[in-house]
């Protein structure tokens, strides 16, 4: 995780690091083992997400299914 972006901090103060496509090898490369190399990949990571309300069934970890991510209808 990393500190939340401006769009995410209204939801939480931390957010997941989502690497851009093709960045996994750079992230896992054992020859790039410096803080500067890690920061380089992290700076390019996705930082904007789309938020929308969902049903409260997401609050129970036993629930599964597509309906957990379907947008709540007005």
Protein backbone atom coordinates (compact mmCIF):
# COMPACT_ATOMS: atom_id res chain seq x y z
CA UNK A 1 0.00 0.00 0.00
CA UNK A 2 0.94 3.64 -0.22
CA UNK A 3 -0.44 6.96 0.92
CA UNK A 4 -3.79 7.75 -0.64
CA UNK A 5 -4.06 9.88 -3.75
CA UNK A 6 -6.27 12.97 -3.70
CA UNK A 7 -9.17 11.00 -5.19
CA UNK A 8 -8.80 8.15 -2.70
CA UNK A 9 -8.19 9.95 0.58
CA UNK A 10 -11.92 10.63 1.06
CA UNK A 11 -12.34 6.85 1.41
CA UNK A 12 -9.14 5.88 3.25
CA UNK A 13 -5.68 7.26 4.07
CA UNK A 14 -3.95 4.31 2.35
CA UNK A 15 -4.49 2.73 -1.05
CA UNK A 16 -3.22 -0.32 -2.91
CA UNK A 17 -0.30 -0.01 -5.26
CA UNK A 18 -1.56 -0.98 -8.71
CA UNK A 19 1.34 -1.41 -11.10
CA UNK A 20 0.87 -0.38 -14.69
CA UNK A 21 0.84 -3.13 -17.29
CA UNK A 22 4.39 -4.26 -17.98
CA UNK A 23 5.79 -2.98 -14.66
CA UNK A 24 5.71 -6.30 -12.79
CA UNK A 25 9.08 -7.42 -14.12
CA UNK A 26 10.69 -4.11 -13.14
CA UNK A 27 9.16 -4.40 -9.65
CA UNK A 28 10.40 -7.97 -9.18
CA UNK A 29 13.82 -7.51 -10.85
CA UNK A 30 16.40 -8.43 -8.16
CA UNK A 31 19.05 -6.23 -9.80
CA UNK A 32 16.85 -3.14 -9.21
CA UNK A 33 17.09 -3.39 -5.43
CA UNK A 34 17.48 0.24 -4.41
CA UNK A 35 14.92 2.58 -2.91
CA UNK A 36 15.32 4.84 -5.95
CA UNK A 37 14.42 1.96 -8.30
CA UNK A 38 11.35 1.12 -6.23
CA UNK A 39 10.29 4.77 -6.10
CA UNK A 40 10.61 4.99 -9.88
CA UNK A 41 8.09 2.16 -10.37
CA UNK A 42 5.79 3.46 -7.63
CA UNK A 43 5.66 6.94 -9.20
CA UNK A 44 4.30 5.37 -12.39
CA UNK A 45 1.72 3.23 -10.56
CA UNK A 46 -1.96 3.89 -11.08
CA UNK A 47 -3.27 6.46 -8.63
CA UNK A 48 -6.79 7.31 -9.83
CA UNK A 49 -9.74 5.04 -9.23
CA UNK A 50 -13.45 5.27 -9.98
CA UNK A 51 -15.71 5.14 -6.93
CA UNK A 52 -19.39 4.33 -6.86
CA UNK A 53 -21.84 3.14 -4.21
CA UNK A 54 -22.53 -0.60 -3.92
CA UNK A 55 -24.92 -2.70 -1.86
CA UNK A 56 -24.18 -3.26 1.82
CA UNK A 57 -23.75 -7.00 1.19
CA UNK A 58 -20.06 -6.20 0.63
CA UNK A 59 -19.75 -5.83 4.40
CA UNK A 60 -19.95 -9.60 4.94
CA UNK A 61 -16.81 -11.50 3.88
CA UNK A 62 -18.89 -14.67 3.34
CA UNK A 63 -20.73 -13.07 0.42
CA UNK A 64 -19.48 -13.71 -3.10
CA UNK A 65 -20.71 -12.86 -6.55
CA UNK A 66 -20.97 -10.21 -9.23
CA UNK A 67 -23.68 -8.37 -7.31
CA UNK A 68 -20.98 -7.23 -4.86
CA UNK A 69 -19.48 -4.89 -7.45
CA UNK A 70 -22.58 -3.81 -9.34
CA UNK A 71 -23.26 -0.09 -8.96
CA UNK A 72 -26.14 0.77 -6.67
CA UNK A 73 -29.08 2.00 -8.72
CA UNK A 74 -30.69 5.32 -7.78
